[in-house]
Amino acid sequence: MNAKILRLNKAGTPVSWLTREETATLLVKELVIWSLGDTVMEIRGGFNRIGKQSVLKLPSIVACEGKMHQENFDPPLENKFLFRRDKNICLYCGVQFAVSELSRDHVQPLSRGGRDTWMNVVTSCRRCNNRKADREPEEASMQLLAIPFVPNQYEFLYLSNHNVLADQMEFLSARFSSHIKLS
């Protein structure tokens, strides 16, 4: 089983993805305040004196005590998250590509004062990136097909896990901004 368990803080804000071992540890140590979703796995333990086997049921979503995360979420900008945000689509030609054929393009080039931030980068195929070169899209007669955006915590956790379960997706997507479309 490769599914991860979604960890929330006590306010219900997503924090991270957990392995089954990490989740089992939190459950056994009674650090889980509440849980949601389906059981994703049962871990069977030893037998007691009357022959009953212990069973630990791992839910797909758990909320734990811990520090509350800051209001201003700042997701790391990595190509794997950027490409997933843009659904592996070149935002200049509109074609979907394999990851190996994609690159990060700075809408306003770094050499012209642009910054390496979520709001200034888009997924681009290598051909379009080379064609645009060190220019802004308008100067290269290229139209940007979507506006770059910074993923919120819910969107970022979706982007960082390729095996999101249905109930986890339902929880996360209810808090997606209007920028991210699932289709």
N, C-alpha and C. Protein backbone atom coordinates (compact mmCIF):
# COMPACT_ATOMS: atom_id res chain seq x y z
N MET A 1 0.84 -1.19 0.00
CA MET A 1 0.00 0.00 0.00
C MET A 1 0.88 1.24 0.00
N ASN A 2 0.73 2.09 -0.99
CA ASN A 2 1.51 3.31 -1.09
C ASN A 2 0.76 4.55 -0.65
N ALA A 3 -0.50 4.39 -0.27
CA ALA A 3 -1.30 5.54 0.13
C ALA A 3 -0.73 6.18 1.39
N LYS A 4 -0.77 7.48 1.41
CA LYS A 4 -0.33 8.24 2.57
C LYS A 4 -1.55 8.71 3.34
N ILE A 5 -1.34 9.02 4.61
CA ILE A 5 -2.41 9.51 5.46
C ILE A 5 -2.23 11.02 5.58
N LEU A 6 -3.32 11.76 5.42
CA LEU A 6 -3.28 13.21 5.50
C LEU A 6 -3.32 13.64 6.96
N ARG A 7 -2.30 14.41 7.37
CA ARG A 7 -2.23 14.91 8.74
C ARG A 7 -2.71 16.36 8.77
N LEU A 8 -3.60 16.63 9.71
CA LEU A 8 -4.12 17.97 9.93
C LEU A 8 -3.69 18.46 11.30
N ASN A 9 -3.69 19.77 11.51
CA ASN A 9 -3.51 20.26 12.87
C ASN A 9 -4.88 20.25 13.54
N LYS A 10 -4.94 20.63 14.79
CA LYS A 10 -6.21 20.52 15.53
C LYS A 10 -7.30 21.43 14.99
N ALA A 11 -6.91 22.46 14.21
CA ALA A 11 -7.89 23.35 13.60
C ALA A 11 -8.41 22.80 12.27
N GLY A 12 -7.84 21.68 11.80
CA GLY A 12 -8.28 21.08 10.55
C GLY A 12 -7.53 21.57 9.33
N THR A 13 -6.41 22.24 9.53
CA THR A 13 -5.59 22.71 8.41
C THR A 13 -4.58 21.63 8.06
N PRO A 14 -4.43 21.29 6.79
CA PRO A 14 -3.49 20.23 6.43
C PRO A 14 -2.05 20.64 6.72
N VAL A 15 -1.28 19.67 7.21
CA VAL A 15 0.10 19.92 7.61
C VAL A 15 1.08 19.11 6.77
N SER A 16 0.78 17.81 6.59
CA SER A 16 1.73 16.95 5.88
C SER A 16 1.07 15.63 5.52
N TRP A 17 1.85 14.82 4.80
CA TRP A 17 1.47 13.44 4.52
C TRP A 17 2.27 12.54 5.44
N LEU A 18 1.62 11.50 5.96
CA LEU A 18 2.26 10.55 6.88
C LEU A 18 2.33 9.17 6.24
N THR A 19 3.34 8.42 6.64
CA THR A 19 3.40 7.01 6.27
C THR A 19 2.49 6.22 7.21
N ARG A 20 2.25 4.99 6.89
CA ARG A 20 1.42 4.16 7.78
C ARG A 20 2.11 3.97 9.12
N GLU A 21 3.44 3.88 9.12
CA GLU A 21 4.18 3.70 10.38
C GLU A 21 4.06 4.93 11.26
N GLU A 22 4.18 6.12 10.65
CA GLU A 22 4.04 7.36 11.43
C GLU A 22 2.64 7.49 11.99
N THR A 23 1.64 7.13 11.19
CA THR A 23 0.25 7.20 11.65
C THR A 23 0.00 6.23 12.78
N ALA A 24 0.50 5.00 12.64
CA ALA A 24 0.33 4.00 13.70
C ALA A 24 0.95 4.50 15.00
N THR A 25 2.13 5.11 14.92
CA THR A 25 2.79 5.63 16.12
C THR A 25 1.94 6.70 16.78
N LEU A 26 1.39 7.62 16.00
CA LEU A 26 0.54 8.67 16.55
C LEU A 26 -0.71 8.09 17.22
N LEU A 27 -1.30 7.07 16.60
CA LEU A 27 -2.49 6.44 17.17
C LEU A 27 -2.17 5.72 18.48
N VAL A 28 -1.10 4.95 18.49
CA VAL A 28 -0.71 4.19 19.68
C VAL A 28 -0.36 5.12 20.84
N LYS A 29 0.30 6.23 20.52
CA LYS A 29 0.67 7.20 21.55
C LYS A 29 -0.49 8.12 21.93
N GLU A 30 -1.67 7.88 21.34
CA GLU A 30 -2.88 8.65 21.58
C GLU A 30 -2.70 10.14 21.32
N LEU A 31 -2.01 10.45 20.21
CA LEU A 31 -1.78 11.84 19.82
C LEU A 31 -2.77 12.31 18.75
N VAL A 32 -3.61 11.39 18.29
CA VAL A 32 -4.64 11.75 17.31
C VAL A 32 -5.86 12.24 18.07
N ILE A 33 -6.27 13.47 17.77
CA ILE A 33 -7.43 14.08 18.43
C ILE A 33 -8.73 13.61 17.79
N TRP A 34 -8.75 13.59 16.47
CA TRP A 34 -9.91 13.13 15.73
C TRP A 34 -9.46 12.67 14.35
N SER A 35 -10.34 11.93 13.70
CA SER A 35 -9.99 11.41 12.37
C SER A 35 -11.22 11.46 11.47
N LEU A 36 -10.94 11.38 10.17
CA LEU A 36 -11.99 11.39 9.15
C LEU A 36 -11.66 10.34 8.10
N GLY A 37 -12.64 10.07 7.28
CA GLY A 37 -12.39 9.24 6.11
C GLY A 37 -12.44 7.75 6.39
N ASP A 38 -12.14 7.04 5.32
CA ASP A 38 -12.17 5.59 5.35
C ASP A 38 -10.94 5.02 6.03
N THR A 39 -11.05 3.78 6.47
CA THR A 39 -9.89 3.05 6.96
C THR A 39 -9.07 2.65 5.75
N VAL A 40 -7.79 3.03 5.75
CA VAL A 40 -6.94 2.70 4.60
C VAL A 40 -6.15 1.43 4.83
N MET A 41 -6.02 1.04 6.09
CA MET A 41 -5.26 -0.16 6.39
C MET A 41 -5.54 -0.61 7.82
N GLU A 42 -5.46 -1.90 8.02
CA GLU A 42 -5.53 -2.46 9.37
C GLU A 42 -4.19 -3.13 9.67
N ILE A 43 -3.64 -2.79 10.82
CA ILE A 43 -2.40 -3.42 11.26
C ILE A 43 -2.75 -4.36 12.40
N ARG A 44 -2.40 -5.61 12.22
CA ARG A 44 -2.72 -6.62 13.23
C ARG A 44 -1.52 -6.85 14.13
N GLY A 45 -1.82 -6.94 15.43
CA GLY A 45 -0.76 -7.13 16.41
C GLY A 45 -0.84 -8.50 17.07
N GLY A 46 -0.42 -8.54 18.30
CA GLY A 46 -0.39 -9.80 19.04
C GLY A 46 -1.75 -10.18 19.59
N PHE A 47 -1.76 -11.33 20.27
CA PHE A 47 -2.98 -11.86 20.87
C PHE A 47 -2.93 -11.67 22.38
N ASN A 48 -4.09 -11.34 22.97
CA ASN A 48 -4.13 -11.22 24.43
C ASN A 48 -4.42 -12.58 25.06
N ARG A 49 -4.60 -12.61 26.37
CA ARG A 49 -4.79 -13.88 27.10
C ARG A 49 -6.00 -14.67 26.64
N ILE A 50 -7.03 -13.99 26.22
CA ILE A 50 -8.23 -14.72 25.81
C ILE A 50 -8.23 -15.02 24.31
N GLY A 51 -7.11 -14.76 23.66
CA GLY A 51 -6.96 -15.12 22.26
C GLY A 51 -7.44 -14.10 21.26
N LYS A 52 -7.73 -12.88 21.73
CA LYS A 52 -8.19 -11.85 20.80
C LYS A 52 -6.98 -11.07 20.28
N GLN A 53 -6.93 -10.92 18.95
CA GLN A 53 -5.82 -10.21 18.32
C GLN A 53 -6.10 -8.71 18.29
N SER A 54 -5.07 -7.92 18.59
CA SER A 54 -5.22 -6.46 18.53
C SER A 54 -5.21 -6.03 17.06
N VAL A 55 -6.03 -5.01 16.76
CA VAL A 55 -6.13 -4.48 15.41
C VAL A 55 -6.10 -2.95 15.51
N LEU A 56 -5.22 -2.36 14.73
CA LEU A 56 -5.13 -0.90 14.68
C LEU A 56 -5.60 -0.46 13.30
N LYS A 57 -6.70 0.31 13.26
CA LYS A 57 -7.26 0.78 12.01
C LYS A 57 -6.72 2.17 11.71
N LEU A 58 -6.13 2.31 10.52
CA LEU A 58 -5.56 3.59 10.12
C LEU A 58 -6.54 4.35 9.24
N PRO A 59 -7.04 5.50 9.73
CA PRO A 59 -7.95 6.31 8.90
C PRO A 59 -7.16 7.10 7.86
N SER A 60 -7.82 7.59 6.83
CA SER A 60 -7.13 8.30 5.77
C SER A 60 -6.76 9.74 6.15
N ILE A 61 -7.43 10.28 7.18
CA ILE A 61 -7.17 11.65 7.62
C ILE A 61 -7.12 11.67 9.15
N VAL A 62 -6.06 12.24 9.72
CA VAL A 62 -5.94 12.35 11.18
C VAL A 62 -5.60 13.78 11.57
N ALA A 63 -6.14 14.22 12.70
CA ALA A 63 -5.81 15.53 13.25
C ALA A 63 -5.07 15.32 14.55
N CYS A 64 -3.98 16.06 14.74
CA CYS A 64 -3.12 15.88 15.91
C CYS A 64 -2.86 17.21 16.59
N GLU A 65 -2.49 17.11 17.86
CA GLU A 65 -2.02 18.28 18.59
C GLU A 65 -0.73 18.76 17.93
N GLY A 66 -0.30 19.90 18.28
CA GLY A 66 0.95 20.44 17.74
C GLY A 66 0.80 21.91 17.48
N LYS A 67 1.91 22.50 17.08
CA LYS A 67 1.88 23.94 16.85
C LYS A 67 1.02 24.27 15.64
N MET A 68 0.38 25.40 15.72
CA MET A 68 -0.43 25.88 14.62
C MET A 68 0.51 26.51 13.60
N HIS A 69 0.26 26.27 12.34
CA HIS A 69 1.12 26.83 11.30
C HIS A 69 0.73 28.26 11.00
N GLN A 70 1.68 29.00 10.52
CA GLN A 70 1.49 30.41 10.25
C GLN A 70 0.41 30.63 9.19
N GLU A 71 -0.16 31.80 9.23
CA GLU A 71 -1.20 32.17 8.26
C GLU A 71 -0.64 32.27 6.85
N ASN A 72 0.56 32.80 6.71
CA ASN A 72 1.16 33.00 5.39
C ASN A 72 1.92 31.77 4.97
N PHE A 73 1.25 30.89 4.27
CA PHE A 73 1.86 29.66 3.79
C PHE A 73 2.75 29.97 2.60
N ASP A 74 3.99 29.49 2.63
CA ASP A 74 4.96 29.76 1.57
C ASP A 74 5.47 28.43 1.03
N PRO A 75 4.78 27.87 0.02
CA PRO A 75 5.18 26.55 -0.49
C PRO A 75 6.51 26.61 -1.24
N PRO A 76 7.32 25.57 -1.12
CA PRO A 76 8.58 25.56 -1.86
C PRO A 76 8.32 25.49 -3.36
N LEU A 77 9.09 26.25 -4.11
CA LEU A 77 8.95 26.26 -5.57
C LEU A 77 9.93 25.25 -6.15
N GLU A 78 9.39 24.11 -6.56
CA GLU A 78 10.19 23.06 -7.20
C GLU A 78 9.48 22.69 -8.50
N ASN A 79 10.25 22.30 -9.49
CA ASN A 79 9.66 21.97 -10.79
C ASN A 79 8.59 20.91 -10.70
N LYS A 80 8.78 19.89 -9.87
CA LYS A 80 7.78 18.82 -9.79
C LYS A 80 6.42 19.37 -9.34
N PHE A 81 6.42 20.36 -8.44
CA PHE A 81 5.17 20.95 -7.98
C PHE A 81 4.63 21.94 -9.03
N LEU A 82 5.52 22.69 -9.64
CA LEU A 82 5.13 23.63 -10.68
C LEU A 82 4.47 22.90 -11.85
N PHE A 83 5.12 21.84 -12.33
CA PHE A 83 4.58 21.10 -13.47
C PHE A 83 3.23 20.48 -13.12
N ARG A 84 3.10 20.00 -11.88
CA ARG A 84 1.81 19.41 -11.48
C ARG A 84 0.74 20.50 -11.36
N ARG A 85 1.14 21.69 -10.85
CA ARG A 85 0.18 22.80 -10.79
C ARG A 85 -0.38 23.09 -12.17
N ASP A 86 0.49 23.10 -13.18
CA ASP A 86 0.08 23.42 -14.54
C ASP A 86 -0.32 22.18 -15.35
N LYS A 87 -0.45 21.04 -14.68
CA LYS A 87 -0.90 19.79 -15.28
C LYS A 87 -0.02 19.33 -16.46
N ASN A 88 1.28 19.62 -16.36
CA ASN A 88 2.26 19.25 -17.40
C ASN A 88 1.92 19.86 -18.75
N ILE A 89 1.21 20.97 -18.73
CA ILE A 89 0.83 21.65 -19.96
C ILE A 89 1.72 22.88 -20.14
N CYS A 90 2.27 23.02 -21.32
CA CYS A 90 3.03 24.22 -21.65
C CYS A 90 2.03 25.38 -21.71
N LEU A 91 2.26 26.39 -20.90
CA LEU A 91 1.31 27.50 -20.84
C LEU A 91 1.49 28.51 -21.97
N TYR A 92 2.28 28.13 -22.98
CA TYR A 92 2.39 28.94 -24.20
C TYR A 92 1.71 28.25 -25.39
N CYS A 93 2.01 26.97 -25.61
CA CYS A 93 1.42 26.27 -26.77
C CYS A 93 0.20 25.43 -26.39
N GLY A 94 0.01 25.16 -25.09
CA GLY A 94 -1.17 24.43 -24.64
C GLY A 94 -1.09 22.92 -24.78
N VAL A 95 0.07 22.38 -25.10
CA VAL A 95 0.24 20.94 -25.28
C VAL A 95 0.73 20.32 -23.97
N GLN A 96 0.21 19.14 -23.66
CA GLN A 96 0.66 18.42 -22.46
C GLN A 96 1.88 17.58 -22.83
N PHE A 97 2.91 17.63 -21.98
CA PHE A 97 4.17 16.95 -22.24
C PHE A 97 4.56 16.06 -21.07
N ALA A 98 5.50 15.14 -21.34
CA ALA A 98 6.12 14.36 -20.28
C ALA A 98 7.02 15.31 -19.48
N VAL A 99 7.22 15.01 -18.23
CA VAL A 99 8.04 15.86 -17.36
C VAL A 99 9.42 16.12 -17.97
N SER A 100 10.01 15.11 -18.58
CA SER A 100 11.35 15.25 -19.15
C SER A 100 11.42 16.28 -20.29
N GLU A 101 10.27 16.65 -20.84
CA GLU A 101 10.24 17.61 -21.94
C GLU A 101 9.84 19.02 -21.50
N LEU A 102 9.71 19.21 -20.18
CA LEU A 102 9.25 20.49 -19.65
C LEU A 102 10.38 21.27 -19.01
N SER A 103 10.16 22.57 -18.88
CA SER A 103 11.11 23.44 -18.18
C SER A 103 10.33 24.54 -17.47
N ARG A 104 11.03 25.21 -16.59
CA ARG A 104 10.45 26.34 -15.86
C ARG A 104 10.75 27.61 -16.66
N ASP A 105 9.71 28.38 -16.96
CA ASP A 105 9.92 29.64 -17.66
C ASP A 105 9.56 30.79 -16.74
N HIS A 106 10.41 31.80 -16.73
CA HIS A 106 10.14 33.02 -15.97
C HIS A 106 9.42 33.99 -16.90
N VAL A 107 8.17 34.32 -16.56
CA VAL A 107 7.37 35.20 -17.40
C VAL A 107 8.14 36.51 -17.63
N GLN A 108 8.57 37.13 -16.54
CA GLN A 108 9.49 38.26 -16.65
C GLN A 108 10.88 37.67 -16.40
N PRO A 109 11.74 37.64 -17.40
CA PRO A 109 13.05 36.99 -17.27
C PRO A 109 13.86 37.50 -16.08
N LEU A 110 14.62 36.59 -15.48
CA LEU A 110 15.47 36.95 -14.35
C LEU A 110 16.43 38.07 -14.72
N SER A 111 16.96 38.01 -15.93
CA SER A 111 17.93 39.01 -16.37
C SER A 111 17.31 40.41 -16.52
N ARG A 112 15.97 40.45 -16.46
CA ARG A 112 15.28 41.74 -16.62
C ARG A 112 14.50 42.11 -15.37
N GLY A 113 14.98 41.60 -14.24
CA GLY A 113 14.38 41.96 -12.96
C GLY A 113 13.31 41.02 -12.45
N GLY A 114 13.00 39.98 -13.20
CA GLY A 114 12.02 39.00 -12.74
C GLY A 114 12.56 38.20 -11.57
N ARG A 115 11.65 37.61 -10.83
CA ARG A 115 12.07 36.83 -9.66
C ARG A 115 11.65 35.38 -9.83
N ASP A 116 12.32 34.51 -9.11
CA ASP A 116 12.01 33.07 -9.15
C ASP A 116 10.95 32.79 -8.09
N THR A 117 9.71 33.19 -8.39
CA THR A 117 8.59 33.01 -7.48
C THR A 117 7.43 32.34 -8.21
N TRP A 118 6.51 31.76 -7.45
CA TRP A 118 5.33 31.10 -8.03
C TRP A 118 4.58 32.03 -8.98
N MET A 119 4.54 33.33 -8.66
CA MET A 119 3.75 34.28 -9.46
C MET A 119 4.45 34.69 -10.76
N ASN A 120 5.72 34.28 -10.92
CA ASN A 120 6.46 34.66 -12.12
C ASN A 120 6.94 33.47 -12.93
N VAL A 121 6.52 32.26 -12.57
CA VAL A 121 6.97 31.08 -13.32
C VAL A 121 5.79 30.28 -13.83
N VAL A 122 6.01 29.67 -14.99
CA VAL A 122 5.01 28.79 -15.60
C VAL A 122 5.73 27.59 -16.20
N THR A 123 4.96 26.55 -16.43
CA THR A 123 5.47 25.38 -17.12
C THR A 123 5.55 25.69 -18.61
N SER A 124 6.67 25.31 -19.21
CA SER A 124 6.88 25.56 -20.63
C SER A 124 7.56 24.35 -21.25
N CYS A 125 7.20 24.04 -22.47
CA CYS A 125 7.96 23.01 -23.19
C CYS A 125 9.30 23.65 -23.57
N ARG A 126 10.27 22.82 -23.83
CA ARG A 126 11.60 23.35 -24.15
C ARG A 126 11.58 24.22 -25.42
N ARG A 127 10.78 23.81 -26.38
CA ARG A 127 10.71 24.57 -27.64
C ARG A 127 10.19 25.98 -27.40
N CYS A 128 9.08 26.11 -26.66
CA CYS A 128 8.52 27.44 -26.39
C CYS A 128 9.45 28.26 -25.50
N ASN A 129 10.10 27.61 -24.55
CA ASN A 129 11.02 28.33 -23.67
C ASN A 129 12.18 28.91 -24.48
N ASN A 130 12.69 28.12 -25.42
CA ASN A 130 13.78 28.61 -26.29
C ASN A 130 13.29 29.73 -27.21
N ARG A 131 12.07 29.59 -27.72
CA ARG A 131 11.52 30.61 -28.61
C ARG A 131 11.31 31.93 -27.88
N LYS A 132 10.81 31.84 -26.66
CA LYS A 132 10.57 33.06 -25.87
C LYS A 132 11.89 33.69 -25.47
N ALA A 133 12.86 32.85 -25.17
CA ALA A 133 14.22 33.29 -24.81
C ALA A 133 14.19 34.28 -23.65
N ASP A 134 14.92 35.36 -23.79
CA ASP A 134 15.09 36.32 -22.72
C ASP A 134 14.15 37.52 -22.89
N ARG A 135 12.91 37.21 -23.29
CA ARG A 135 11.93 38.27 -23.54
C ARG A 135 10.68 38.01 -22.72
N GLU A 136 9.85 39.02 -22.63
CA GLU A 136 8.53 38.85 -22.03
C GLU A 136 7.62 38.26 -23.10
N PRO A 137 6.54 37.58 -22.71
CA PRO A 137 5.67 36.91 -23.69
C PRO A 137 5.21 37.83 -24.83
N GLU A 138 4.82 39.06 -24.51
CA GLU A 138 4.33 39.98 -25.54
C GLU A 138 5.42 40.28 -26.56
N GLU A 139 6.65 40.45 -26.10
CA GLU A 139 7.76 40.76 -27.00
C GLU A 139 8.06 39.61 -27.95
N ALA A 140 7.76 38.39 -27.51
CA ALA A 140 8.01 37.20 -28.33
C ALA A 140 6.76 36.80 -29.12
N SER A 141 5.71 37.63 -29.05
CA SER A 141 4.42 37.34 -29.69
C SER A 141 3.87 35.99 -29.24
N MET A 142 3.97 35.75 -27.94
CA MET A 142 3.45 34.51 -27.34
C MET A 142 2.45 34.89 -26.26
N GLN A 143 1.31 34.22 -26.27
CA GLN A 143 0.28 34.51 -25.29
C GLN A 143 0.35 33.50 -24.16
N LEU A 144 0.30 33.99 -22.93
CA LEU A 144 0.26 33.13 -21.75
C LEU A 144 -1.16 32.61 -21.59
N LEU A 145 -1.34 31.29 -21.52
CA LEU A 145 -2.68 30.68 -21.50
C LEU A 145 -3.33 30.66 -20.13
N ALA A 146 -2.56 30.89 -19.07
CA ALA A 146 -3.10 30.92 -17.71
C ALA A 146 -2.23 31.84 -16.87
N ILE A 147 -2.81 32.35 -15.82
CA ILE A 147 -2.09 33.25 -14.92
C ILE A 147 -1.44 32.41 -13.82
N PRO A 148 -0.15 32.63 -13.57
CA PRO A 148 0.51 31.89 -12.48
C PRO A 148 -0.11 32.24 -11.13
N PHE A 149 -0.09 31.28 -10.21
CA PHE A 149 -0.62 31.52 -8.86
C PHE A 149 0.17 30.72 -7.85
N VAL A 150 0.08 31.16 -6.59
CA VAL A 150 0.73 30.47 -5.49
C VAL A 150 -0.28 29.48 -4.91
N PRO A 151 0.05 28.18 -4.86
CA PRO A 151 -0.88 27.21 -4.27
C PRO A 151 -1.06 27.45 -2.77
N ASN A 152 -2.30 27.33 -2.29
CA ASN A 152 -2.52 27.40 -0.85
C ASN A 152 -2.13 26.06 -0.22
N GLN A 153 -2.25 25.94 1.11
CA GLN A 153 -1.82 24.71 1.79
C GLN A 153 -2.54 23.48 1.27
N TYR A 154 -3.83 23.60 1.01
CA TYR A 154 -4.63 22.47 0.54
C TYR A 154 -4.18 22.04 -0.85
N GLU A 155 -3.99 23.02 -1.73
CA GLU A 155 -3.55 22.74 -3.09
C GLU A 155 -2.14 22.16 -3.10
N PHE A 156 -1.27 22.71 -2.25
CA PHE A 156 0.11 22.22 -2.22
C PHE A 156 0.18 20.76 -1.77
N LEU A 157 -0.62 20.38 -0.78
CA LEU A 157 -0.59 18.98 -0.36
C LEU A 157 -1.12 18.07 -1.45
N TYR A 158 -2.09 18.54 -2.22
CA TYR A 158 -2.53 17.78 -3.39
C TYR A 158 -1.39 17.64 -4.39
N LEU A 159 -0.68 18.74 -4.67
CA LEU A 159 0.41 18.73 -5.65
C LEU A 159 1.56 17.83 -5.21
N SER A 160 1.73 17.66 -3.90
CA SER A 160 2.89 16.92 -3.40
C SER A 160 2.64 15.41 -3.21
N ASN A 161 1.47 14.92 -3.58
CA ASN A 161 1.16 13.50 -3.42
C ASN A 161 0.45 13.00 -4.67
N HIS A 162 1.03 12.01 -5.32
CA HIS A 162 0.43 11.48 -6.55
C HIS A 162 -0.63 10.41 -6.28
N ASN A 163 -0.81 10.01 -5.02
CA ASN A 163 -1.77 8.96 -4.68
C ASN A 163 -2.81 9.47 -3.68
N VAL A 164 -3.46 10.56 -3.99
CA VAL A 164 -4.47 11.12 -3.10
C VAL A 164 -5.73 10.27 -3.19
N LEU A 165 -6.20 9.81 -2.03
CA LEU A 165 -7.41 8.98 -1.97
C LEU A 165 -8.65 9.86 -2.14
N ALA A 166 -9.76 9.25 -2.51
CA ALA A 166 -10.98 9.99 -2.81
C ALA A 166 -11.45 10.85 -1.64
N ASP A 167 -11.47 10.31 -0.43
CA ASP A 167 -11.95 11.10 0.71
C ASP A 167 -10.97 12.22 1.07
N GLN A 168 -9.67 11.98 0.86
CA GLN A 168 -8.68 13.03 1.08
C GLN A 168 -8.86 14.14 0.05
N MET A 169 -9.11 13.73 -1.20
CA MET A 169 -9.33 14.71 -2.27
C MET A 169 -10.57 15.55 -2.00
N GLU A 170 -11.61 14.91 -1.52
CA GLU A 170 -12.84 15.63 -1.19
C GLU A 170 -12.55 16.68 -0.12
N PHE A 171 -11.78 16.31 0.91
CA PHE A 171 -11.43 17.23 1.99
C PHE A 171 -10.58 18.39 1.45
N LEU A 172 -9.53 18.07 0.69
CA LEU A 172 -8.62 19.11 0.20
C LEU A 172 -9.29 20.02 -0.83
N SER A 173 -9.97 19.43 -1.81
CA SER A 173 -10.51 20.22 -2.92
C SER A 173 -11.62 21.19 -2.49
N ALA A 174 -12.26 20.93 -1.36
CA ALA A 174 -13.27 21.85 -0.87
C ALA A 174 -12.67 23.21 -0.53
N ARG A 175 -11.34 23.25 -0.39
CA ARG A 175 -10.66 24.49 -0.02
C ARG A 175 -9.69 24.97 -1.10
N PHE A 176 -9.83 24.44 -2.30
CA PHE A 176 -9.01 24.92 -3.41
C PHE A 176 -9.49 26.30 -3.83
N SER A 177 -8.58 27.11 -4.31
CA SER A 177 -8.95 28.42 -4.84
C SER A 177 -9.55 28.21 -6.23
N SER A 178 -10.03 29.28 -6.81
CA SER A 178 -10.63 29.18 -8.15
C SER A 178 -9.58 28.96 -9.23
N HIS A 179 -8.29 29.10 -8.87
CA HIS A 179 -7.21 28.94 -9.85
C HIS A 179 -7.02 27.49 -10.29
N ILE A 180 -7.22 26.57 -9.37
CA ILE A 180 -6.90 25.17 -9.67
C ILE A 180 -8.17 24.44 -10.09
N LYS A 181 -8.11 23.83 -11.24
CA LYS A 181 -9.25 23.08 -11.78
C LYS A 181 -8.84 21.62 -11.92
N LEU A 182 -9.71 20.75 -11.46
CA LEU A 182 -9.45 19.31 -11.59
C LEU A 182 -10.30 18.76 -12.71
N SER A 183 -9.65 18.23 -13.71
CA SER A 183 -10.40 17.62 -14.80
C SER A 183 -9.60 16.52 -15.42
